[in-house]
């Protein structure tokens, strides 16, 4: 989803520039982005796209950051064995599958350090 639909002009207090250089657990294939919290929805913005990093963002129609996941790095991650199945269920399933697998995919693809930083933004 384009970032303009939820986060235009997000206040600086609710946004934080993030980069691979600052996060040892980075799983994305982009070197940097921006965390934005708008009305409790935590987003990762990269280029012109925004991705869900929490359930509130999923409920607003944002997708997990599947397009940004560096598959080579993910293979070393604890969720690697489940990721492919979860992603297939997410993409092919209806609303029930999305509500089940969306949070699991966020858990699997969002670095813990970004979740911690995002939690501070959304407090």
PDB file of N, CA and C in Angstrom:
ATOM      1  N   UNK A   1       0.852  -1.165   0.000  1.00  0.00           N
ATOM      2  CA  UNK A   1       0.000   0.000   0.000  1.00  0.00           C
ATOM      3  C   UNK A   1       0.903   1.234   0.000  1.00  0.00           C
ATOM      4  N   UNK A   2       0.529   2.209  -0.733  1.00  0.00           N
ATOM      5  CA  UNK A   2       1.306   3.441  -0.781  1.00  0.00           C
ATOM      6  C   UNK A   2       1.272   4.133   0.566  1.00  0.00           C
ATOM      7  N   UNK A   3       2.384   4.723   0.930  1.00  0.00           N
ATOM      8  CA  UNK A   3       2.455   5.334   2.251  1.00  0.00           C
ATOM      9  C   UNK A   3       1.561   6.551   2.391  1.00  0.00           C
ATOM     10  N   UNK A   4       1.151   7.153   1.311  1.00  0.00           N
ATOM     11  CA  UNK A   4       0.360   8.380   1.411  1.00  0.00           C
ATOM     12  C   UNK A   4      -1.021   8.171   2.020  1.00  0.00           C
ATOM     13  N   UNK A   5      -1.530   6.951   2.021  1.00  0.00           N
ATOM     14  CA  UNK A   5      -2.895   6.748   2.487  1.00  0.00           C
ATOM     15  C   UNK A   5      -3.037   6.774   4.010  1.00  0.00           C
ATOM     16  N   UNK A   6      -1.984   6.554   4.738  1.00  0.00           N
ATOM     17  CA  UNK A   6      -2.106   6.577   6.195  1.00  0.00           C
ATOM     18  C   UNK A   6      -1.119   7.538   6.845  1.00  0.00           C
ATOM     19  N   UNK A   7       0.026   7.747   6.241  1.00  0.00           N
ATOM     20  CA  UNK A   7       1.053   8.469   6.967  1.00  0.00           C
ATOM     21  C   UNK A   7       1.520   9.783   6.352  1.00  0.00           C
ATOM     22  N   UNK A   8       0.722  10.452   5.559  1.00  0.00           N
ATOM     23  CA  UNK A   8       1.217  11.704   5.011  1.00  0.00           C
ATOM     24  C   UNK A   8       1.490  12.708   6.116  1.00  0.00           C
ATOM     25  N   UNK A   9       2.644  13.328   6.045  1.00  0.00           N
ATOM     26  CA  UNK A   9       2.961  14.354   7.027  1.00  0.00           C
ATOM     27  C   UNK A   9       3.046  13.829   8.446  1.00  0.00           C
ATOM     28  N   UNK A  10       3.416  12.572   8.609  1.00  0.00           N
ATOM     29  CA  UNK A  10       3.528  12.020   9.961  1.00  0.00           C
ATOM     30  C   UNK A  10       4.457  12.911  10.779  1.00  0.00           C
ATOM     31  N   UNK A  11       4.031  13.225  11.967  1.00  0.00           N
ATOM     32  CA  UNK A  11       4.826  14.096  12.829  1.00  0.00           C
ATOM     33  C   UNK A  11       6.187  13.482  13.081  1.00  0.00           C
ATOM     34  N   UNK A  12       7.195  14.320  13.158  1.00  0.00           N
ATOM     35  CA  UNK A  12       8.557  13.835  13.366  1.00  0.00           C
ATOM     36  C   UNK A  12       8.648  12.982  14.630  1.00  0.00           C
ATOM     37  N   UNK A  13       7.853  13.294  15.641  1.00  0.00           N
ATOM     38  CA  UNK A  13       7.875  12.519  16.880  1.00  0.00           C
ATOM     39  C   UNK A  13       7.352  11.110  16.663  1.00  0.00           C
ATOM     40  N   UNK A  14       6.599  10.902  15.599  1.00  0.00           N
ATOM     41  CA  UNK A  14       6.029   9.587  15.318  1.00  0.00           C
ATOM     42  C   UNK A  14       6.725   8.895  14.160  1.00  0.00           C
ATOM     43  N   UNK A  15       7.929   9.342  13.804  1.00  0.00           N
ATOM     44  CA  UNK A  15       8.688   8.739  12.725  1.00  0.00           C
ATOM     45  C   UNK A  15      10.153   8.627  13.141  1.00  0.00           C
ATOM     46  N   UNK A  16      10.815   7.597  12.629  1.00  0.00           N
ATOM     47  CA  UNK A  16      12.206   7.351  12.974  1.00  0.00           C
ATOM     48  C   UNK A  16      12.907   6.722  11.786  1.00  0.00           C
ATOM     49  N   UNK A  17      13.989   7.346  11.329  1.00  0.00           N
ATOM     50  CA  UNK A  17      14.803   6.756  10.260  1.00  0.00           C
ATOM     51  C   UNK A  17      15.558   5.560  10.839  1.00  0.00           C
ATOM     52  N   UNK A  18      15.573   4.462  10.108  1.00  0.00           N
ATOM     53  CA  UNK A  18      16.262   3.247  10.550  1.00  0.00           C
ATOM     54  C   UNK A  18      17.107   2.717   9.395  1.00  0.00           C
ATOM     55  N   UNK A  19      18.184   2.011   9.741  1.00  0.00           N
ATOM     56  CA  UNK A  19      19.045   1.457   8.700  1.00  0.00           C
ATOM     57  C   UNK A  19      19.678   0.156   9.154  1.00  0.00           C
ATOM     58  N   UNK A  20      20.133  -0.581   8.167  1.00  0.00           N
ATOM     59  CA  UNK A  20      20.799  -1.858   8.417  1.00  0.00           C
ATOM     60  C   UNK A  20      22.040  -1.652   9.295  1.00  0.00           C
ATOM     61  N   UNK A  21      22.719  -0.541   9.098  1.00  0.00           N
ATOM     62  CA  UNK A  21      23.932  -0.265   9.868  1.00  0.00           C
ATOM     63  C   UNK A  21      23.665  -0.173  11.368  1.00  0.00           C
ATOM     64  N   UNK A  22      22.443   0.176  11.739  1.00  0.00           N
ATOM     65  CA  UNK A  22      22.102   0.362  13.152  1.00  0.00           C
ATOM     66  C   UNK A  22      21.402  -0.836  13.792  1.00  0.00           C
ATOM     67  N   UNK A  23      21.107  -1.868  13.000  1.00  0.00           N
ATOM     68  CA  UNK A  23      20.340  -3.014  13.507  1.00  0.00           C
ATOM     69  C   UNK A  23      20.993  -4.325  13.075  1.00  0.00           C
ATOM     70  N   UNK A  24      21.577  -5.033  14.037  1.00  0.00           N
ATOM     71  CA  UNK A  24      22.260  -6.296  13.740  1.00  0.00           C
ATOM     72  C   UNK A  24      21.315  -7.373  13.231  1.00  0.00           C
ATOM     73  N   UNK A  25      20.037  -7.267  13.548  1.00  0.00           N
ATOM     74  CA  UNK A  25      19.069  -8.304  13.173  1.00  0.00           C
ATOM     75  C   UNK A  25      18.244  -7.929  11.938  1.00  0.00           C
ATOM     76  N   UNK A  26      18.744  -7.038  11.104  1.00  0.00           N
ATOM     77  CA  UNK A  26      18.061  -6.555   9.896  1.00  0.00           C
ATOM     78  C   UNK A  26      17.784  -7.717   8.948  1.00  0.00           C
ATOM     79  N   UNK A  27      16.539  -7.863   8.503  1.00  0.00           N
ATOM     80  CA  UNK A  27      16.148  -8.953   7.594  1.00  0.00           C
ATOM     81  C   UNK A  27      15.758  -8.460   6.202  1.00  0.00           C
ATOM     82  N   UNK A  28      15.872  -7.166   5.954  1.00  0.00           N
ATOM     83  CA  UNK A  28      15.349  -6.603   4.714  1.00  0.00           C
ATOM     84  C   UNK A  28      16.429  -6.452   3.644  1.00  0.00           C
ATOM     85  N   UNK A  29      16.001  -6.433   2.385  1.00  0.00           N
ATOM     86  CA  UNK A  29      16.926  -6.294   1.271  1.00  0.00           C
ATOM     87  C   UNK A  29      17.093  -4.829   0.844  1.00  0.00           C
ATOM     88  N   UNK A  30      16.670  -3.918   1.673  1.00  0.00           N
ATOM     89  CA  UNK A  30      16.894  -2.484   1.467  1.00  0.00           C
ATOM     90  C   UNK A  30      17.791  -1.996   2.606  1.00  0.00           C
ATOM     91  N   UNK A  31      18.645  -1.017   2.341  1.00  0.00           N
ATOM     92  CA  UNK A  31      19.588  -0.586   3.373  1.00  0.00           C
ATOM     93  C   UNK A  31      18.989   0.284   4.472  1.00  0.00           C
ATOM     94  N   UNK A  32      17.826   0.878   4.196  1.00  0.00           N
ATOM     95  CA  UNK A  32      17.248   1.772   5.197  1.00  0.00           C
ATOM     96  C   UNK A  32      15.759   1.987   4.923  1.00  0.00           C
ATOM     97  N   UNK A  33      15.119   2.633   5.865  1.00  0.00           N
ATOM     98  CA  UNK A  33      13.705   2.958   5.735  1.00  0.00           C
ATOM     99  C   UNK A  33      13.312   3.877   6.863  1.00  0.00           C
ATOM    100  N   UNK A  34      12.025   3.897   7.129  1.00  0.00           N
ATOM    101  CA  UNK A  34      11.509   4.769   8.178  1.00  0.00           C
ATOM    102  C   UNK A  34      10.406   4.042   8.912  1.00  0.00           C
ATOM    103  N   UNK A  35      10.448   4.077  10.228  1.00  0.00           N
ATOM    104  CA  UNK A  35       9.354   3.574  11.057  1.00  0.00           C
ATOM    105  C   UNK A  35       8.406   4.737  11.286  1.00  0.00           C
ATOM    106  N   UNK A  36       7.125   4.470  11.137  1.00  0.00           N
ATOM    107  CA  UNK A  36       6.114   5.495  11.357  1.00  0.00           C
ATOM    108  C   UNK A  36       4.993   4.878  12.175  1.00  0.00           C
ATOM    109  N   UNK A  37       4.529   5.612  13.166  1.00  0.00           N
ATOM    110  CA  UNK A  37       3.375   5.177  13.940  1.00  0.00           C
ATOM    111  C   UNK A  37       2.266   6.207  13.755  1.00  0.00           C
ATOM    112  N   UNK A  38       1.148   5.750  13.231  1.00  0.00           N
ATOM    113  CA  UNK A  38      -0.007   6.613  13.025  1.00  0.00           C
ATOM    114  C   UNK A  38      -1.219   5.931  13.640  1.00  0.00           C
ATOM    115  N   UNK A  39      -1.769   6.541  14.669  1.00  0.00           N
ATOM    116  CA  UNK A  39      -2.958   6.011  15.336  1.00  0.00           C
ATOM    117  C   UNK A  39      -2.783   4.546  15.724  1.00  0.00           C
ATOM    118  N   UNK A  40      -1.613   4.209  16.245  1.00  0.00           N
ATOM    119  CA  UNK A  40      -1.331   2.862  16.716  1.00  0.00           C
ATOM    120  C   UNK A  40      -0.863   1.890  15.662  1.00  0.00           C
ATOM    121  N   UNK A  41      -0.918   2.265  14.403  1.00  0.00           N
ATOM    122  CA  UNK A  41      -0.447   1.386  13.317  1.00  0.00           C
ATOM    123  C   UNK A  41       1.032   1.657  13.088  1.00  0.00           C
ATOM    124  N   UNK A  42       1.862   0.637  13.289  1.00  0.00           N
ATOM    125  CA  UNK A  42       3.298   0.755  13.079  1.00  0.00           C
ATOM    126  C   UNK A  42       3.632   0.289  11.672  1.00  0.00           C
ATOM    127  N   UNK A  43       4.290   1.169  10.924  1.00  0.00           N
ATOM    128  CA  UNK A  43       4.630   0.895   9.529  1.00  0.00           C
ATOM    129  C   UNK A  43       6.130   1.003   9.314  1.00  0.00           C
ATOM    130  N   UNK A  44       6.620   0.210   8.358  1.00  0.00           N
ATOM    131  CA  UNK A  44       7.971   0.375   7.839  1.00  0.00           C
ATOM    132  C   UNK A  44       7.812   0.935   6.437  1.00  0.00           C
ATOM    133  N   UNK A  45       8.381   2.102   6.197  1.00  0.00           N
ATOM    134  CA  UNK A  45       8.274   2.735   4.892  1.00  0.00           C
ATOM    135  C   UNK A  45       9.581   2.581   4.144  1.00  0.00           C
ATOM    136  N   UNK A  46       9.464   2.152   2.899  1.00  0.00           N
ATOM    137  CA  UNK A  46      10.610   2.005   2.019  1.00  0.00           C
ATOM    138  C   UNK A  46      10.201   2.494   0.642  1.00  0.00           C
ATOM    139  N   UNK A  47      10.896   3.488   0.154  1.00  0.00           N
ATOM    140  CA  UNK A  47      10.510   4.074  -1.127  1.00  0.00           C
ATOM    141  C   UNK A  47       9.112   4.653  -1.016  1.00  0.00           C
ATOM    142  N   UNK A  48       8.220   4.206  -1.885  1.00  0.00           N
ATOM    143  CA  UNK A  48       6.843   4.718  -1.871  1.00  0.00           C
ATOM    144  C   UNK A  48       5.862   3.737  -1.246  1.00  0.00           C
ATOM    145  N   UNK A  49       6.359   2.698  -0.604  1.00  0.00           N
ATOM    146  CA  UNK A  49       5.492   1.673  -0.022  1.00  0.00           C
ATOM    147  C   UNK A  49       5.600   1.656   1.495  1.00  0.00           C
ATOM    148  N   UNK A  50       4.508   1.249   2.123  1.00  0.00           N
ATOM    149  CA  UNK A  50       4.462   1.080   3.579  1.00  0.00           C
ATOM    150  C   UNK A  50       4.046  -0.346   3.880  1.00  0.00           C
ATOM    151  N   UNK A  51       4.632  -0.919   4.924  1.00  0.00           N
ATOM    152  CA  UNK A  51       4.371  -2.305   5.291  1.00  0.00           C
ATOM    153  C   UNK A  51       3.989  -2.397   6.765  1.00  0.00           C
ATOM    154  N   UNK A  52       3.114  -3.331   7.082  1.00  0.00           N
ATOM    155  CA  UNK A  52       2.634  -3.530   8.447  1.00  0.00           C
ATOM    156  C   UNK A  52       3.715  -4.134   9.327  1.00  0.00           C
ATOM    157  N   UNK A  53       3.861  -3.556  10.518  1.00  0.00           N
ATOM    158  CA  UNK A  53       4.739  -4.131  11.526  1.00  0.00           C
ATOM    159  C   UNK A  53       3.981  -4.473  12.804  1.00  0.00           C
ATOM    160  N   UNK A  54       2.657  -4.288  12.779  1.00  0.00           N
ATOM    161  CA  UNK A  54       1.846  -4.722  13.919  1.00  0.00           C
ATOM    162  C   UNK A  54       0.415  -5.025  13.445  1.00  0.00           C
ATOM    163  N   UNK A  55      -0.375  -5.579  14.337  1.00  0.00           N
ATOM    164  CA  UNK A  55      -1.743  -5.973  13.992  1.00  0.00           C
ATOM    165  C   UNK A  55      -2.605  -4.781  13.570  1.00  0.00           C
ATOM    166  N   UNK A  56      -2.401  -3.624  14.206  1.00  0.00           N
ATOM    167  CA  UNK A  56      -3.204  -2.445  13.855  1.00  0.00           C
ATOM    168  C   UNK A  56      -2.982  -2.054  12.393  1.00  0.00           C
ATOM    169  N   UNK A  57      -1.766  -2.165  11.918  1.00  0.00           N
ATOM    170  CA  UNK A  57      -1.480  -1.848  10.511  1.00  0.00           C
ATOM    171  C   UNK A  57      -2.080  -2.910   9.588  1.00  0.00           C
ATOM    172  N   UNK A  58      -2.035  -4.181  10.006  1.00  0.00           N
ATOM    173  CA  UNK A  58      -2.674  -5.251   9.223  1.00  0.00           C
ATOM    174  C   UNK A  58      -4.170  -4.977   9.072  1.00  0.00           C
ATOM    175  N   UNK A  59      -4.799  -4.578  10.175  1.00  0.00           N
ATOM    176  CA  UNK A  59      -6.240  -4.309  10.161  1.00  0.00           C
ATOM    177  C   UNK A  59      -6.603  -3.156   9.238  1.00  0.00           C
ATOM    178  N   UNK A  60      -5.652  -2.280   8.974  1.00  0.00           N
ATOM    179  CA  UNK A  60      -5.885  -1.158   8.050  1.00  0.00           C
ATOM    180  C   UNK A  60      -5.548  -1.521   6.605  1.00  0.00           C
ATOM    181  N   UNK A  61      -5.181  -2.777   6.362  1.00  0.00           N
ATOM    182  CA  UNK A  61      -4.958  -3.237   4.997  1.00  0.00           C
ATOM    183  C   UNK A  61      -3.519  -3.265   4.529  1.00  0.00           C
ATOM    184  N   UNK A  62      -2.578  -2.942   5.389  1.00  0.00           N
ATOM    185  CA  UNK A  62      -1.171  -3.021   5.008  1.00  0.00           C
ATOM    186  C   UNK A  62      -0.716  -4.480   5.078  1.00  0.00           C
ATOM    187  N   UNK A  63       0.212  -4.854   4.218  1.00  0.00           N
ATOM    188  CA  UNK A  63       0.734  -6.215   4.195  1.00  0.00           C
ATOM    189  C   UNK A  63       2.049  -6.286   4.944  1.00  0.00           C
ATOM    190  N   UNK A  64       2.380  -7.487   5.458  1.00  0.00           N
ATOM    191  CA  UNK A  64       3.704  -7.650   6.066  1.00  0.00           C
ATOM    192  C   UNK A  64       4.783  -7.345   5.031  1.00  0.00           C
ATOM    193  N   UNK A  65       5.986  -7.098   5.474  1.00  0.00           N
ATOM    194  CA  UNK A  65       7.085  -6.688   4.597  1.00  0.00           C
ATOM    195  C   UNK A  65       7.687  -7.855   3.817  1.00  0.00           C
ATOM    196  N   UNK A  66       6.850  -8.724   3.279  1.00  0.00           N
ATOM    197  CA  UNK A  66       7.330  -9.903   2.564  1.00  0.00           C
ATOM    198  C   UNK A  66       8.203  -9.538   1.371  1.00  0.00           C
ATOM    199  N   UNK A  67       7.863  -8.479   0.660  1.00  0.00           N
ATOM    200  CA  UNK A  67       8.621  -8.083  -0.528  1.00  0.00           C
ATOM    201  C   UNK A  67      10.030  -7.613  -0.178  1.00  0.00           C
ATOM    202  N   UNK A  68      10.241  -7.237   1.075  1.00  0.00           N
ATOM    203  CA  UNK A  68      11.544  -6.718   1.484  1.00  0.00           C
ATOM    204  C   UNK A  68      12.442  -7.749   2.148  1.00  0.00           C
ATOM    205  N   UNK A  69      11.908  -8.919   2.431  1.00  0.00           N
ATOM    206  CA  UNK A  69      12.672  -9.915   3.187  1.00  0.00           C
ATOM    207  C   UNK A  69      13.809 -10.475   2.338  1.00  0.00           C
ATOM    208  N   UNK A  70      14.997 -10.401   2.881  1.00  0.00           N
ATOM    209  CA  UNK A  70      16.176 -10.989   2.245  1.00  0.00           C
ATOM    210  C   UNK A  70      16.134 -12.488   2.549  1.00  0.00           C
ATOM    211  N   UNK A  71      15.768 -13.282   1.555  1.00  0.00           N
ATOM    212  CA  UNK A  71      15.558 -14.724   1.768  1.00  0.00           C
ATOM    213  C   UNK A  71      16.820 -15.423   2.270  1.00  0.00           C
ATOM    214  N   UNK A  72      17.986 -14.994   1.839  1.00  0.00           N
ATOM    215  CA  UNK A  72      19.230 -15.618   2.300  1.00  0.00           C
ATOM    216  C   UNK A  72      19.425 -15.404   3.792  1.00  0.00           C
ATOM    217  N   UNK A  73      19.116 -14.204   4.277  1.00  0.00           N
ATOM    218  CA  UNK A  73      19.231 -13.916   5.706  1.00  0.00           C
ATOM    219  C   UNK A  73      18.155 -14.670   6.476  1.00  0.00           C
ATOM    220  N   UNK A  74      16.946 -14.732   5.925  1.00  0.00           N
ATOM    221  CA  UNK A  74      15.845 -15.402   6.613  1.00  0.00           C
ATOM    222  C   UNK A  74      16.138 -16.880   6.841  1.00  0.00           C
ATOM    223  N   UNK A  75      16.867 -17.525   5.929  1.00  0.00           N
ATOM    224  CA  UNK A  75      17.179 -18.941   6.090  1.00  0.00           C
ATOM    225  C   UNK A  75      17.930 -19.226   7.379  1.00  0.00           C
ATOM    226  N   UNK A  76      18.650 -18.244   7.881  1.00  0.00           N
ATOM    227  CA  UNK A  76      19.382 -18.396   9.139  1.00  0.00           C
ATOM    228  C   UNK A  76      18.511 -18.071  10.352  1.00  0.00           C
ATOM    229  N   UNK A  77      17.326 -17.573  10.123  1.00  0.00           N
ATOM    230  CA  UNK A  77      16.431 -17.105  11.179  1.00  0.00           C
ATOM    231  C   UNK A  77      15.649 -18.268  11.780  1.00  0.00           C
ATOM    232  N   UNK A  78      15.215 -18.119  13.006  1.00  0.00           N
ATOM    233  CA  UNK A  78      14.503 -19.188  13.712  1.00  0.00           C
ATOM    234  C   UNK A  78      13.169 -19.568  13.081  1.00  0.00           C
ATOM    235  N   UNK A  79      12.551 -18.673  12.289  1.00  0.00           N
ATOM    236  CA  UNK A  79      11.259 -18.964  11.689  1.00  0.00           C
ATOM    237  C   UNK A  79      11.362 -19.492  10.261  1.00  0.00           C
ATOM    238  N   UNK A  80      12.571 -19.686   9.771  1.00  0.00           N
ATOM    239  CA  UNK A  80      12.769 -20.038   8.359  1.00  0.00           C
ATOM    240  C   UNK A  80      11.951 -21.250   7.937  1.00  0.00           C
ATOM    241  N   UNK A  81      11.892 -22.267   8.768  1.00  0.00           N
ATOM    242  CA  UNK A  81      11.178 -23.485   8.381  1.00  0.00           C
ATOM    243  C   UNK A  81       9.676 -23.271   8.220  1.00  0.00           C
ATOM    244  N   UNK A  82       9.135 -22.264   8.858  1.00  0.00           N
ATOM    245  CA  UNK A  82       7.700 -21.995   8.768  1.00  0.00           C
ATOM    246  C   UNK A  82       7.341 -20.927   7.742  1.00  0.00           C
ATOM    247  N   UNK A  83       8.301 -20.078   7.416  1.00  0.00           N
ATOM    248  CA  UNK A  83       8.021 -18.893   6.611  1.00  0.00           C
ATOM    249  C   UNK A  83       7.352 -19.214   5.279  1.00  0.00           C
ATOM    250  N   UNK A  84       7.871 -20.172   4.537  1.00  0.00           N
ATOM    251  CA  UNK A  84       7.329 -20.477   3.208  1.00  0.00           C
ATOM    252  C   UNK A  84       5.870 -20.912   3.315  1.00  0.00           C
ATOM    253  N   UNK A  85       5.553 -21.759   4.269  1.00  0.00           N
ATOM    254  CA  UNK A  85       4.168 -22.210   4.444  1.00  0.00           C
ATOM    255  C   UNK A  85       3.263 -21.053   4.865  1.00  0.00           C
ATOM    256  N   UNK A  86       3.737 -20.233   5.797  1.00  0.00           N
ATOM    257  CA  UNK A  86       2.941 -19.085   6.243  1.00  0.00           C
ATOM    258  C   UNK A  86       2.677 -18.126   5.093  1.00  0.00           C
ATOM    259  N   UNK A  87       3.728 -17.882   4.285  1.00  0.00           N
ATOM    260  CA  UNK A  87       3.572 -16.958   3.160  1.00  0.00           C
ATOM    261  C   UNK A  87       2.564 -17.510   2.150  1.00  0.00           C
ATOM    262  N   UNK A  88       2.618 -18.810   1.886  1.00  0.00           N
ATOM    263  CA  UNK A  88       1.651 -19.414   0.955  1.00  0.00           C
ATOM    264  C   UNK A  88       0.234 -19.291   1.490  1.00  0.00           C
ATOM    265  N   UNK A  89       0.043 -19.546   2.764  1.00  0.00           N
ATOM    266  CA  UNK A  89      -1.278 -19.423   3.371  1.00  0.00           C
ATOM    267  C   UNK A  89      -1.761 -17.974   3.328  1.00  0.00           C
ATOM    268  N   UNK A  90      -0.872 -17.038   3.588  1.00  0.00           N
ATOM    269  CA  UNK A  90      -1.215 -15.616   3.569  1.00  0.00           C
ATOM    270  C   UNK A  90      -1.693 -15.215   2.185  1.00  0.00           C
ATOM    271  N   UNK A  91      -0.941 -15.602   1.178  1.00  0.00           N
ATOM    272  CA  UNK A  91      -1.241 -15.167  -0.188  1.00  0.00           C
ATOM    273  C   UNK A  91      -2.484 -15.854  -0.771  1.00  0.00           C
ATOM    274  N   UNK A  92      -2.720 -17.099  -0.411  1.00  0.00           N
ATOM    275  CA  UNK A  92      -3.832 -17.838  -1.022  1.00  0.00           C
ATOM    276  C   UNK A  92      -5.094 -17.865  -0.174  1.00  0.00           C
ATOM    277  N   UNK A  93      -4.978 -17.524   1.082  1.00  0.00           N
ATOM    278  CA  UNK A  93      -6.115 -17.649   1.983  1.00  0.00           C
ATOM    279  C   UNK A  93      -7.038 -16.452   1.974  1.00  0.00           C
ATOM    280  N   UNK A  94      -8.188 -16.657   2.540  1.00  0.00           N
ATOM    281  CA  UNK A  94      -9.165 -15.585   2.707  1.00  0.00           C
ATOM    282  C   UNK A  94      -8.892 -14.820   3.986  1.00  0.00           C
ATOM    283  N   UNK A  95      -9.891 -14.091   4.465  1.00  0.00           N
ATOM    284  CA  UNK A  95      -9.721 -13.280   5.674  1.00  0.00           C
ATOM    285  C   UNK A  95      -9.285 -14.081   6.898  1.00  0.00           C
ATOM    286  N   UNK A  96      -9.805 -15.283   7.063  1.00  0.00           N
ATOM    287  CA  UNK A  96      -9.418 -16.091   8.235  1.00  0.00           C
ATOM    288  C   UNK A  96      -7.938 -16.448   8.186  1.00  0.00           C
ATOM    289  N   UNK A  97      -7.476 -16.857   7.011  1.00  0.00           N
ATOM    290  CA  UNK A  97      -6.060 -17.200   6.866  1.00  0.00           C
ATOM    291  C   UNK A  97      -5.191 -15.965   7.077  1.00  0.00           C
ATOM    292  N   UNK A  98      -5.654 -14.839   6.566  1.00  0.00           N
ATOM    293  CA  UNK A  98      -4.869 -13.606   6.729  1.00  0.00           C
ATOM    294  C   UNK A  98      -4.788 -13.190   8.194  1.00  0.00           C
ATOM    295  N   UNK A  99      -5.875 -13.345   8.936  1.00  0.00           N
ATOM    296  CA  UNK A  99      -5.837 -12.951  10.343  1.00  0.00           C
ATOM    297  C   UNK A  99      -4.989 -13.913  11.167  1.00  0.00           C
ATOM    298  N   UNK A 100      -4.865 -15.155  10.710  1.00  0.00           N
ATOM    299  CA  UNK A 100      -4.022 -16.137  11.400  1.00  0.00           C
ATOM    300  C   UNK A 100      -2.560 -15.962  11.038  1.00  0.00           C
ATOM    301  N   UNK A 101      -2.268 -15.868   9.752  1.00  0.00           N
ATOM    302  CA  UNK A 101      -0.883 -15.869   9.299  1.00  0.00           C
ATOM    303  C   UNK A 101      -0.255 -14.482   9.228  1.00  0.00           C
ATOM    304  N   UNK A 102      -1.056 -13.424   9.134  1.00  0.00           N
ATOM    305  CA  UNK A 102      -0.491 -12.079   9.111  1.00  0.00           C
ATOM    306  C   UNK A 102       0.377 -11.785  10.321  1.00  0.00           C
ATOM    307  N   UNK A 103      -0.159 -11.964  11.536  1.00  0.00           N
ATOM    308  CA  UNK A 103       0.673 -11.722  12.719  1.00  0.00           C
ATOM    309  C   UNK A 103       1.901 -12.630  12.782  1.00  0.00           C
ATOM    310  N   UNK A 104       1.770 -13.870  12.334  1.00  0.00           N
ATOM    311  CA  UNK A 104       2.922 -14.783  12.329  1.00  0.00           C
ATOM    312  C   UNK A 104       3.997 -14.287  11.372  1.00  0.00           C
ATOM    313  N   UNK A 105       3.574 -13.797  10.214  1.00  0.00           N
ATOM    314  CA  UNK A 105       4.542 -13.274   9.253  1.00  0.00           C
ATOM    315  C   UNK A 105       5.215 -12.007   9.769  1.00  0.00           C
ATOM    316  N   UNK A 106       4.463 -11.171  10.458  1.00  0.00           N
ATOM    317  CA  UNK A 106       5.078  -9.980  11.046  1.00  0.00           C
ATOM    318  C   UNK A 106       6.118 -10.404  12.076  1.00  0.00           C
ATOM    319  N   UNK A 107       5.763 -11.361  12.912  1.00  0.00           N
ATOM    320  CA  UNK A 107       6.705 -11.862  13.917  1.00  0.00           C
ATOM    321  C   UNK A 107       7.969 -12.401  13.245  1.00  0.00           C
ATOM    322  N   UNK A 108       7.802 -13.135  12.147  1.00  0.00           N
ATOM    323  CA  UNK A 108       8.929 -13.762  11.474  1.00  0.00           C
ATOM    324  C   UNK A 108       9.784 -12.785  10.686  1.00  0.00           C
ATOM    325  N   UNK A 109       9.202 -11.695  10.205  1.00  0.00           N
ATOM    326  CA  UNK A 109       9.938 -10.815   9.297  1.00  0.00           C
ATOM    327  C   UNK A 109      10.291  -9.451   9.876  1.00  0.00           C
ATOM    328  N   UNK A 110       9.894  -9.176  11.090  1.00  0.00           N
ATOM    329  CA  UNK A 110      10.217  -7.880  11.690  1.00  0.00           C
ATOM    330  C   UNK A 110      11.327  -8.066  12.717  1.00  0.00           C
ATOM    331  N   UNK A 111      12.478  -7.481  12.471  1.00  0.00           N
ATOM    332  CA  UNK A 111      13.563  -7.587  13.451  1.00  0.00           C
ATOM    333  C   UNK A 111      13.117  -7.098  14.826  1.00  0.00           C
ATOM    334  N   UNK A 112      13.544  -7.800  15.853  1.00  0.00           N
ATOM    335  CA  UNK A 112      13.151  -7.431  17.220  1.00  0.00           C
ATOM    336  C   UNK A 112      13.556  -6.004  17.556  1.00  0.00           C
ATOM    337  N   UNK A 113      14.711  -5.588  17.069  1.00  0.00           N
ATOM    338  CA  UNK A 113      15.153  -4.227  17.383  1.00  0.00           C
ATOM    339  C   UNK A 113      14.218  -3.183  16.765  1.00  0.00           C
ATOM    340  N   UNK A 114      13.640  -3.479  15.590  1.00  0.00           N
ATOM    341  CA  UNK A 114      12.679  -2.553  14.992  1.00  0.00           C
ATOM    342  C   UNK A 114      11.370  -2.556  15.773  1.00  0.00           C
ATOM    343  N   UNK A 115      10.959  -3.728  16.264  1.00  0.00           N
ATOM    344  CA  UNK A 115       9.736  -3.786  17.073  1.00  0.00           C
ATOM    345  C   UNK A 115       9.900  -2.962  18.351  1.00  0.00           C
ATOM    346  N   UNK A 116      11.058  -3.064  18.963  1.00  0.00           N
ATOM    347  CA  UNK A 116      11.306  -2.270  20.188  1.00  0.00           C
ATOM    348  C   UNK A 116      11.269  -0.780  19.875  1.00  0.00           C
ATOM    349  N   UNK A 117      11.955  -0.368  18.806  1.00  0.00           N
ATOM    350  CA  UNK A 117      11.949   1.046  18.420  1.00  0.00           C
ATOM    351  C   UNK A 117      10.540   1.504  18.066  1.00  0.00           C
ATOM    352  N   UNK A 118       9.790   0.662  17.374  1.00  0.00           N
ATOM    353  CA  UNK A 118       8.421   0.989  16.993  1.00  0.00           C
ATOM    354  C   UNK A 118       7.504   1.111  18.196  1.00  0.00           C
ATOM    355  N   UNK A 119       7.697   0.246  19.186  1.00  0.00           N
ATOM    356  CA  UNK A 119       6.873   0.306  20.393  1.00  0.00           C
ATOM    357  C   UNK A 119       7.059   1.655  21.096  1.00  0.00           C
ATOM    358  N   UNK A 120       8.265   2.169  21.085  1.00  0.00           N
ATOM    359  CA  UNK A 120       8.513   3.477  21.702  1.00  0.00           C
ATOM    360  C   UNK A 120       7.804   4.587  20.924  1.00  0.00           C
ATOM    361  N   UNK A 121       7.778   4.462  19.594  1.00  0.00           N
ATOM    362  CA  UNK A 121       7.094   5.462  18.773  1.00  0.00           C
ATOM    363  C   UNK A 121       5.587   5.470  19.031  1.00  0.00           C
ATOM    364  N   UNK A 122       5.034   4.283  19.224  1.00  0.00           N
ATOM    365  CA  UNK A 122       3.582   4.166  19.358  1.00  0.00           C
ATOM    366  C   UNK A 122       3.087   4.351  20.786  1.00  0.00           C
ATOM    367  N   UNK A 123       3.980   4.517  21.737  1.00  0.00           N
ATOM    368  CA  UNK A 123       3.564   4.742  23.136  1.00  0.00           C
ATOM    369  C   UNK A 123       2.956   6.102  23.310  1.00  0.00           C
TER     370      UNK A 123
END
